[in-house]
Amino acid sequence: MPASDSLMELLTAHPHIHANVRSYNTMLHGLIEASPGNLEKCYQLFDAMNRRGIAPDMVTMNVLTDACVRASNLSAAQKVRTKR
């Protein structure tokens, strides 16, 4: 299992870990750097963040936009940008 998967599981599966928006932003950025173009994992982490009630901030949206652009998915990037 890649380290990014282990960290993602740690952030999302354990109720005793109190991650905040910065934790999720850092993990999202790391996912992009580790595997550019893997939007599915980014969206999984973003969904987990929302399920935990952690509101995305401007950095979150910028990181997601960057992930979409790196994956050459400009329509997804535009959708992220309009959610602000």
PDB file of N, CA and C in Angstrom:
ATOM      1  N   MET A   1       0.849  -1.172   0.000  1.00  0.00           N
ATOM      2  CA  MET A   1       0.000   0.000   0.000  1.00  0.00           C
ATOM      3  C   MET A   1       0.897   1.239   0.000  1.00  0.00           C
ATOM      4  N   PRO A   2       0.663   2.153  -0.950  1.00  0.00           N
ATOM      5  CA  PRO A   2       1.468   3.382  -0.975  1.00  0.00           C
ATOM      6  C   PRO A   2       1.248   4.216   0.282  1.00  0.00           C
ATOM      7  N   ALA A   3       2.254   4.990   0.623  1.00  0.00           N
ATOM      8  CA  ALA A   3       2.175   5.831   1.829  1.00  0.00           C
ATOM      9  C   ALA A   3       0.991   6.781   1.772  1.00  0.00           C
ATOM     10  N   SER A   4       0.679   7.306   0.583  1.00  0.00           N
ATOM     11  CA  SER A   4      -0.445   8.240   0.472  1.00  0.00           C
ATOM     12  C   SER A   4      -1.759   7.567   0.839  1.00  0.00           C
ATOM     13  N   ASP A   5      -1.904   6.270   0.474  1.00  0.00           N
ATOM     14  CA  ASP A   5      -3.121   5.544   0.849  1.00  0.00           C
ATOM     15  C   ASP A   5      -3.204   5.368   2.355  1.00  0.00           C
ATOM     16  N   SER A   6      -2.082   5.062   2.984  1.00  0.00           N
ATOM     17  CA  SER A   6      -2.065   4.890   4.437  1.00  0.00           C
ATOM     18  C   SER A   6      -2.430   6.180   5.149  1.00  0.00           C
ATOM     19  N   LEU A   7      -1.884   7.285   4.688  1.00  0.00           N
ATOM     20  CA  LEU A   7      -2.195   8.573   5.308  1.00  0.00           C
ATOM     21  C   LEU A   7      -3.653   8.950   5.087  1.00  0.00           C
ATOM     22  N   MET A   8      -4.158   8.692   3.892  1.00  0.00           N
ATOM     23  CA  MET A   8      -5.556   9.008   3.607  1.00  0.00           C
ATOM     24  C   MET A   8      -6.465   8.185   4.507  1.00  0.00           C
ATOM     25  N   GLU A   9      -6.146   6.907   4.675  1.00  0.00           N
ATOM     26  CA  GLU A   9      -6.943   6.056   5.553  1.00  0.00           C
ATOM     27  C   GLU A   9      -6.875   6.555   6.995  1.00  0.00           C
ATOM     28  N   LEU A  10      -5.706   6.948   7.425  1.00  0.00           N
ATOM     29  CA  LEU A  10      -5.528   7.464   8.778  1.00  0.00           C
ATOM     30  C   LEU A  10      -6.374   8.718   9.006  1.00  0.00           C
ATOM     31  N   LEU A  11      -6.372   9.620   8.046  1.00  0.00           N
ATOM     32  CA  LEU A  11      -7.146  10.860   8.181  1.00  0.00           C
ATOM     33  C   LEU A  11      -8.644  10.613   8.163  1.00  0.00           C
ATOM     34  N   THR A  12      -9.084   9.642   7.382  1.00  0.00           N
ATOM     35  CA  THR A  12     -10.521   9.488   7.160  1.00  0.00           C
ATOM     36  C   THR A  12     -11.181   8.418   8.017  1.00  0.00           C
ATOM     37  N   ALA A  13     -10.436   7.427   8.456  1.00  0.00           N
ATOM     38  CA  ALA A  13     -11.069   6.283   9.102  1.00  0.00           C
ATOM     39  C   ALA A  13     -11.061   6.317  10.624  1.00  0.00           C
ATOM     40  N   HIS A  14     -10.178   7.058  11.211  1.00  0.00           N
ATOM     41  CA  HIS A  14     -10.034   7.016  12.663  1.00  0.00           C
ATOM     42  C   HIS A  14     -10.696   8.238  13.317  1.00  0.00           C
ATOM     43  N   PRO A  15     -11.714   7.993  14.124  1.00  0.00           N
ATOM     44  CA  PRO A  15     -12.437   9.106  14.744  1.00  0.00           C
ATOM     45  C   PRO A  15     -11.629   9.883  15.764  1.00  0.00           C
ATOM     46  N   HIS A  16     -10.539   9.306  16.257  1.00  0.00           N
ATOM     47  CA  HIS A  16      -9.738   9.985  17.273  1.00  0.00           C
ATOM     48  C   HIS A  16      -8.709  10.932  16.684  1.00  0.00           C
ATOM     49  N   ILE A  17      -8.587  10.933  15.377  1.00  0.00           N
ATOM     50  CA  ILE A  17      -7.673  11.869  14.729  1.00  0.00           C
ATOM     51  C   ILE A  17      -8.481  13.100  14.375  1.00  0.00           C
ATOM     52  N   HIS A  18      -8.071  14.231  14.874  1.00  0.00           N
ATOM     53  CA  HIS A  18      -8.813  15.473  14.667  1.00  0.00           C
ATOM     54  C   HIS A  18      -8.122  16.314  13.604  1.00  0.00           C
ATOM     55  N   ALA A  19      -8.343  15.914  12.376  1.00  0.00           N
ATOM     56  CA  ALA A  19      -7.766  16.652  11.260  1.00  0.00           C
ATOM     57  C   ALA A  19      -8.544  17.949  11.060  1.00  0.00           C
ATOM     58  N   ASN A  20      -7.874  18.936  10.506  1.00  0.00           N
ATOM     59  CA  ASN A  20      -8.533  20.195  10.185  1.00  0.00           C
ATOM     60  C   ASN A  20      -8.351  20.476   8.694  1.00  0.00           C
ATOM     61  N   VAL A  21      -8.810  21.618   8.261  1.00  0.00           N
ATOM     62  CA  VAL A  21      -8.747  21.937   6.836  1.00  0.00           C
ATOM     63  C   VAL A  21      -7.306  21.951   6.342  1.00  0.00           C
ATOM     64  N   ARG A  22      -6.377  22.392   7.154  1.00  0.00           N
ATOM     65  CA  ARG A  22      -4.965  22.393   6.741  1.00  0.00           C
ATOM     66  C   ARG A  22      -4.448  20.975   6.535  1.00  0.00           C
ATOM     67  N   SER A  23      -4.852  20.067   7.412  1.00  0.00           N
ATOM     68  CA  SER A  23      -4.440  18.661   7.266  1.00  0.00           C
ATOM     69  C   SER A  23      -4.917  18.099   5.936  1.00  0.00           C
ATOM     70  N   TYR A  24      -6.181  18.361   5.631  1.00  0.00           N
ATOM     71  CA  TYR A  24      -6.734  17.860   4.378  1.00  0.00           C
ATOM     72  C   TYR A  24      -6.098  18.544   3.171  1.00  0.00           C
ATOM     73  N   ASN A  25      -5.870  19.835   3.253  1.00  0.00           N
ATOM     74  CA  ASN A  25      -5.222  20.535   2.136  1.00  0.00           C
ATOM     75  C   ASN A  25      -3.828  19.973   1.869  1.00  0.00           C
ATOM     76  N   THR A  26      -3.098  19.702   2.935  1.00  0.00           N
ATOM     77  CA  THR A  26      -1.754  19.139   2.792  1.00  0.00           C
ATOM     78  C   THR A  26      -1.821  17.755   2.150  1.00  0.00           C
ATOM     79  N   MET A  27      -2.773  16.950   2.589  1.00  0.00           N
ATOM     80  CA  MET A  27      -2.919  15.611   2.018  1.00  0.00           C
ATOM     81  C   MET A  27      -3.342  15.689   0.558  1.00  0.00           C
ATOM     82  N   LEU A  28      -4.262  16.577   0.230  1.00  0.00           N
ATOM     83  CA  LEU A  28      -4.683  16.741  -1.169  1.00  0.00           C
ATOM     84  C   LEU A  28      -3.496  17.143  -2.037  1.00  0.00           C
ATOM     85  N   HIS A  29      -2.728  18.091  -1.554  1.00  0.00           N
ATOM     86  CA  HIS A  29      -1.556  18.534  -2.310  1.00  0.00           C
ATOM     87  C   HIS A  29      -0.570  17.379  -2.497  1.00  0.00           C
ATOM     88  N   GLY A  30      -0.367  16.595  -1.460  1.00  0.00           N
ATOM     89  CA  GLY A  30       0.524  15.446  -1.555  1.00  0.00           C
ATOM     90  C   GLY A  30       0.047  14.411  -2.558  1.00  0.00           C
ATOM     91  N   LEU A  31      -1.271  14.185  -2.609  1.00  0.00           N
ATOM     92  CA  LEU A  31      -1.824  13.254  -3.594  1.00  0.00           C
ATOM     93  C   LEU A  31      -1.549  13.727  -5.013  1.00  0.00           C
ATOM     94  N   ILE A  32      -1.688  15.022  -5.231  1.00  0.00           N
ATOM     95  CA  ILE A  32      -1.439  15.581  -6.566  1.00  0.00           C
ATOM     96  C   ILE A  32       0.017  15.400  -6.953  1.00  0.00           C
ATOM     97  N   GLU A  33       0.911  15.662  -6.012  1.00  0.00           N
ATOM     98  CA  GLU A  33       2.337  15.525  -6.302  1.00  0.00           C
ATOM     99  C   GLU A  33       2.725  14.061  -6.519  1.00  0.00           C
ATOM    100  N   ALA A  34       2.128  13.159  -5.747  1.00  0.00           N
ATOM    101  CA  ALA A  34       2.478  11.743  -5.839  1.00  0.00           C
ATOM    102  C   ALA A  34       1.919  11.089  -7.095  1.00  0.00           C
ATOM    103  N   SER A  35       0.729  11.484  -7.475  1.00  0.00           N
ATOM    104  CA  SER A  35       0.116  10.862  -8.661  1.00  0.00           C
ATOM    105  C   SER A  35      -0.758  11.877  -9.386  1.00  0.00           C
ATOM    106  N   PRO A  36      -0.109  12.785 -10.131  1.00  0.00           N
ATOM    107  CA  PRO A  36      -0.876  13.770 -10.885  1.00  0.00           C
ATOM    108  C   PRO A  36      -1.833  13.055 -11.840  1.00  0.00           C
ATOM    109  N   GLY A  37      -3.014  13.551 -11.914  1.00  0.00           N
ATOM    110  CA  GLY A  37      -3.997  12.938 -12.795  1.00  0.00           C
ATOM    111  C   GLY A  37      -4.934  11.979 -12.097  1.00  0.00           C
ATOM    112  N   ASN A  38      -4.676  11.664 -10.832  1.00  0.00           N
ATOM    113  CA  ASN A  38      -5.551  10.751 -10.104  1.00  0.00           C
ATOM    114  C   ASN A  38      -6.613  11.558  -9.356  1.00  0.00           C
ATOM    115  N   LEU A  39      -7.566  12.049 -10.108  1.00  0.00           N
ATOM    116  CA  LEU A  39      -8.622  12.872  -9.512  1.00  0.00           C
ATOM    117  C   LEU A  39      -9.505  12.079  -8.567  1.00  0.00           C
ATOM    118  N   GLU A  40      -9.672  10.802  -8.842  1.00  0.00           N
ATOM    119  CA  GLU A  40     -10.568   9.991  -8.018  1.00  0.00           C
ATOM    120  C   GLU A  40     -10.158  10.022  -6.550  1.00  0.00           C
ATOM    121  N   LYS A  41      -8.876   9.852  -6.279  1.00  0.00           N
ATOM    122  CA  LYS A  41      -8.412   9.878  -4.881  1.00  0.00           C
ATOM    123  C   LYS A  41      -8.587  11.260  -4.270  1.00  0.00           C
ATOM    124  N   CYS A  42      -8.343  12.298  -5.054  1.00  0.00           N
ATOM    125  CA  CYS A  42      -8.536  13.664  -4.544  1.00  0.00           C
ATOM    126  C   CYS A  42      -9.987  13.890  -4.160  1.00  0.00           C
ATOM    127  N   TYR A  43     -10.893  13.455  -5.034  1.00  0.00           N
ATOM    128  CA  TYR A  43     -12.310  13.634  -4.726  1.00  0.00           C
ATOM    129  C   TYR A  43     -12.753  12.758  -3.554  1.00  0.00           C
ATOM    130  N   GLN A  44     -12.162  11.575  -3.416  1.00  0.00           N
ATOM    131  CA  GLN A  44     -12.483  10.725  -2.261  1.00  0.00           C
ATOM    132  C   GLN A  44     -12.093  11.428  -0.960  1.00  0.00           C
ATOM    133  N   LEU A  45     -10.916  12.016  -0.963  1.00  0.00           N
ATOM    134  CA  LEU A  45     -10.452  12.718   0.230  1.00  0.00           C
ATOM    135  C   LEU A  45     -11.299  13.965   0.482  1.00  0.00           C
ATOM    136  N   PHE A  46     -11.643  14.679  -0.567  1.00  0.00           N
ATOM    137  CA  PHE A  46     -12.493  15.864  -0.450  1.00  0.00           C
ATOM    138  C   PHE A  46     -13.860  15.473   0.120  1.00  0.00           C
ATOM    139  N   ASP A  47     -14.428  14.367  -0.361  1.00  0.00           N
ATOM    140  CA  ASP A  47     -15.720  13.895   0.163  1.00  0.00           C
ATOM    141  C   ASP A  47     -15.610  13.510   1.635  1.00  0.00           C
ATOM    142  N   ALA A  48     -14.516  12.859   2.003  1.00  0.00           N
ATOM    143  CA  ALA A  48     -14.307  12.486   3.407  1.00  0.00           C
ATOM    144  C   ALA A  48     -14.222  13.733   4.279  1.00  0.00           C
ATOM    145  N   MET A  49     -13.549  14.746   3.767  1.00  0.00           N
ATOM    146  CA  MET A  49     -13.427  16.016   4.476  1.00  0.00           C
ATOM    147  C   MET A  49     -14.817  16.606   4.736  1.00  0.00           C
ATOM    148  N   ASN A  50     -15.651  16.602   3.705  1.00  0.00           N
ATOM    149  CA  ASN A  50     -17.006  17.130   3.846  1.00  0.00           C
ATOM    150  C   ASN A  50     -17.848  16.295   4.805  1.00  0.00           C
ATOM    151  N   ARG A  51     -17.704  14.968   4.738  1.00  0.00           N
ATOM    152  CA  ARG A  51     -18.463  14.094   5.650  1.00  0.00           C
ATOM    153  C   ARG A  51     -18.113  14.364   7.101  1.00  0.00           C
ATOM    154  N   ARG A  52     -16.872  14.756   7.352  1.00  0.00           N
ATOM    155  CA  ARG A  52     -16.446  15.072   8.721  1.00  0.00           C
ATOM    156  C   ARG A  52     -16.841  16.490   9.135  1.00  0.00           C
ATOM    157  N   GLY A  53     -17.496  17.197   8.241  1.00  0.00           N
ATOM    158  CA  GLY A  53     -17.956  18.545   8.571  1.00  0.00           C
ATOM    159  C   GLY A  53     -16.878  19.600   8.495  1.00  0.00           C
ATOM    160  N   ILE A  54     -15.794  19.304   7.786  1.00  0.00           N
ATOM    161  CA  ILE A  54     -14.711  20.277   7.638  1.00  0.00           C
ATOM    162  C   ILE A  54     -14.939  21.046   6.351  1.00  0.00           C
ATOM    163  N   ALA A  55     -15.173  22.332   6.499  1.00  0.00           N
ATOM    164  CA  ALA A  55     -15.480  23.170   5.334  1.00  0.00           C
ATOM    165  C   ALA A  55     -14.220  23.461   4.529  1.00  0.00           C
ATOM    166  N   PRO A  56     -14.307  23.296   3.215  1.00  0.00           N
ATOM    167  CA  PRO A  56     -13.157  23.643   2.378  1.00  0.00           C
ATOM    168  C   PRO A  56     -12.921  25.149   2.400  1.00  0.00           C
ATOM    169  N   ASP A  57     -11.680  25.540   2.224  1.00  0.00           N
ATOM    170  CA  ASP A  57     -11.366  26.962   2.137  1.00  0.00           C
ATOM    171  C   ASP A  57     -10.816  27.272   0.744  1.00  0.00           C
ATOM    172  N   MET A  58     -10.327  28.465   0.557  1.00  0.00           N
ATOM    173  CA  MET A  58      -9.812  28.892  -0.736  1.00  0.00           C
ATOM    174  C   MET A  58      -8.638  28.001  -1.174  1.00  0.00           C
ATOM    175  N   VAL A  59      -7.805  27.618  -0.234  1.00  0.00           N
ATOM    176  CA  VAL A  59      -6.664  26.750  -0.559  1.00  0.00           C
ATOM    177  C   VAL A  59      -7.169  25.402  -1.066  1.00  0.00           C
ATOM    178  N   THR A  60      -8.173  24.849  -0.410  1.00  0.00           N
ATOM    179  CA  THR A  60      -8.748  23.571  -0.839  1.00  0.00           C
ATOM    180  C   THR A  60      -9.205  23.651  -2.287  1.00  0.00           C
ATOM    181  N   MET A  61      -9.942  24.700  -2.598  1.00  0.00           N
ATOM    182  CA  MET A  61     -10.472  24.842  -3.949  1.00  0.00           C
ATOM    183  C   MET A  61      -9.351  25.042  -4.972  1.00  0.00           C
ATOM    184  N   ASN A  62      -8.315  25.764  -4.588  1.00  0.00           N
ATOM    185  CA  ASN A  62      -7.171  25.943  -5.490  1.00  0.00           C
ATOM    186  C   ASN A  62      -6.436  24.628  -5.726  1.00  0.00           C
ATOM    187  N   VAL A  63      -6.280  23.834  -4.677  1.00  0.00           N
ATOM    188  CA  VAL A  63      -5.613  22.538  -4.814  1.00  0.00           C
ATOM    189  C   VAL A  63      -6.435  21.616  -5.721  1.00  0.00           C
ATOM    190  N   LEU A  64      -7.753  21.598  -5.536  1.00  0.00           N
ATOM    191  CA  LEU A  64      -8.600  20.774  -6.394  1.00  0.00           C
ATOM    192  C   LEU A  64      -8.554  21.249  -7.851  1.00  0.00           C
ATOM    193  N   THR A  65      -8.546  22.549  -8.045  1.00  0.00           N
ATOM    194  CA  THR A  65      -8.433  23.086  -9.404  1.00  0.00           C
ATOM    195  C   THR A  65      -7.119  22.651 -10.032  1.00  0.00           C
ATOM    196  N   ASP A  66      -6.047  22.738  -9.269  1.00  0.00           N
ATOM    197  CA  ASP A  66      -4.736  22.309  -9.753  1.00  0.00           C
ATOM    198  C   ASP A  66      -4.756  20.830 -10.132  1.00  0.00           C
ATOM    199  N   ALA A  67      -5.399  20.011  -9.315  1.00  0.00           N
ATOM    200  CA  ALA A  67      -5.489  18.573  -9.607  1.00  0.00           C
ATOM    201  C   ALA A  67      -6.215  18.337 -10.930  1.00  0.00           C
ATOM    202  N   CYS A  68      -7.286  19.072 -11.153  1.00  0.00           N
ATOM    203  CA  CYS A  68      -8.054  18.930 -12.396  1.00  0.00           C
ATOM    204  C   CYS A  68      -7.227  19.351 -13.606  1.00  0.00           C
ATOM    205  N   VAL A  69      -6.524  20.460 -13.482  1.00  0.00           N
ATOM    206  CA  VAL A  69      -5.703  20.951 -14.588  1.00  0.00           C
ATOM    207  C   VAL A  69      -4.588  19.970 -14.899  1.00  0.00           C
ATOM    208  N   ARG A  70      -3.930  19.456 -13.859  1.00  0.00           N
ATOM    209  CA  ARG A  70      -2.851  18.481 -14.080  1.00  0.00           C
ATOM    210  C   ARG A  70      -3.358  17.205 -14.727  1.00  0.00           C
ATOM    211  N   ALA A  71      -4.638  16.887 -14.493  1.00  0.00           N
ATOM    212  CA  ALA A  71      -5.247  15.704 -15.104  1.00  0.00           C
ATOM    213  C   ALA A  71      -5.824  16.030 -16.484  1.00  0.00           C
ATOM    214  N   SER A  72      -5.601  17.259 -16.942  1.00  0.00           N
ATOM    215  CA  SER A  72      -6.118  17.726 -18.241  1.00  0.00           C
ATOM    216  C   SER A  72      -7.642  17.647 -18.311  1.00  0.00           C
ATOM    217  N   ASN A  73      -8.286  17.880 -17.169  1.00  0.00           N
ATOM    218  CA  ASN A  73      -9.745  17.856 -17.106  1.00  0.00           C
ATOM    219  C   ASN A  73     -10.228  19.279 -16.819  1.00  0.00           C
ATOM    220  N   LEU A  74     -10.253  20.083 -17.875  1.00  0.00           N
ATOM    221  CA  LEU A  74     -10.584  21.497 -17.702  1.00  0.00           C
ATOM    222  C   LEU A  74     -12.036  21.719 -17.329  1.00  0.00           C
ATOM    223  N   SER A  75     -12.931  20.838 -17.769  1.00  0.00           N
ATOM    224  CA  SER A  75     -14.339  21.013 -17.382  1.00  0.00           C
ATOM    225  C   SER A  75     -14.515  20.793 -15.879  1.00  0.00           C
ATOM    226  N   ALA A  76     -13.785  19.833 -15.323  1.00  0.00           N
ATOM    227  CA  ALA A  76     -13.847  19.623 -13.871  1.00  0.00           C
ATOM    228  C   ALA A  76     -13.248  20.818 -13.137  1.00  0.00           C
ATOM    229  N   ALA A  77     -12.171  21.389 -13.680  1.00  0.00           N
ATOM    230  CA  ALA A  77     -11.551  22.567 -13.065  1.00  0.00           C
ATOM    231  C   ALA A  77     -12.536  23.737 -13.045  1.00  0.00           C
ATOM    232  N   GLN A  78     -13.277  23.909 -14.121  1.00  0.00           N
ATOM    233  CA  GLN A  78     -14.259  24.992 -14.167  1.00  0.00           C
ATOM    234  C   GLN A  78     -15.369  24.775 -13.135  1.00  0.00           C
ATOM    235  N   LYS A  79     -15.787  23.523 -12.951  1.00  0.00           N
ATOM    236  CA  LYS A  79     -16.816  23.223 -11.954  1.00  0.00           C
ATOM    237  C   LYS A  79     -16.324  23.565 -10.552  1.00  0.00           C
ATOM    238  N   VAL A  80     -15.079  23.222 -10.265  1.00  0.00           N
ATOM    239  CA  VAL A  80     -14.502  23.549  -8.947  1.00  0.00           C
ATOM    240  C   VAL A  80     -14.488  25.052  -8.766  1.00  0.00           C
ATOM    241  N   ARG A  81     -14.056  25.767  -9.780  1.00  0.00           N
ATOM    242  CA  ARG A  81     -13.944  27.225  -9.694  1.00  0.00           C
ATOM    243  C   ARG A  81     -15.293  27.903  -9.491  1.00  0.00           C
ATOM    244  N   THR A  82     -16.375  27.328 -10.019  1.00  0.00           N
ATOM    245  CA  THR A  82     -17.688  27.957  -9.872  1.00  0.00           C
ATOM    246  C   THR A  82     -18.353  27.621  -8.544  1.00  0.00           C
ATOM    247  N   LYS A  83     -17.798  26.690  -7.775  1.00  0.00           N
ATOM    248  CA  LYS A  83     -18.368  26.322  -6.470  1.00  0.00           C
ATOM    249  C   LYS A  83     -17.997  27.303  -5.376  1.00  0.00           C
ATOM    250  N   ARG A  84     -17.171  28.269  -5.678  1.00  0.00           N
ATOM    251  CA  ARG A  84     -16.734  29.219  -4.646  1.00  0.00           C
ATOM    252  C   ARG A  84     -17.825  30.125  -4.238  1.00  0.00           C
TER     253      ARG A  84
END
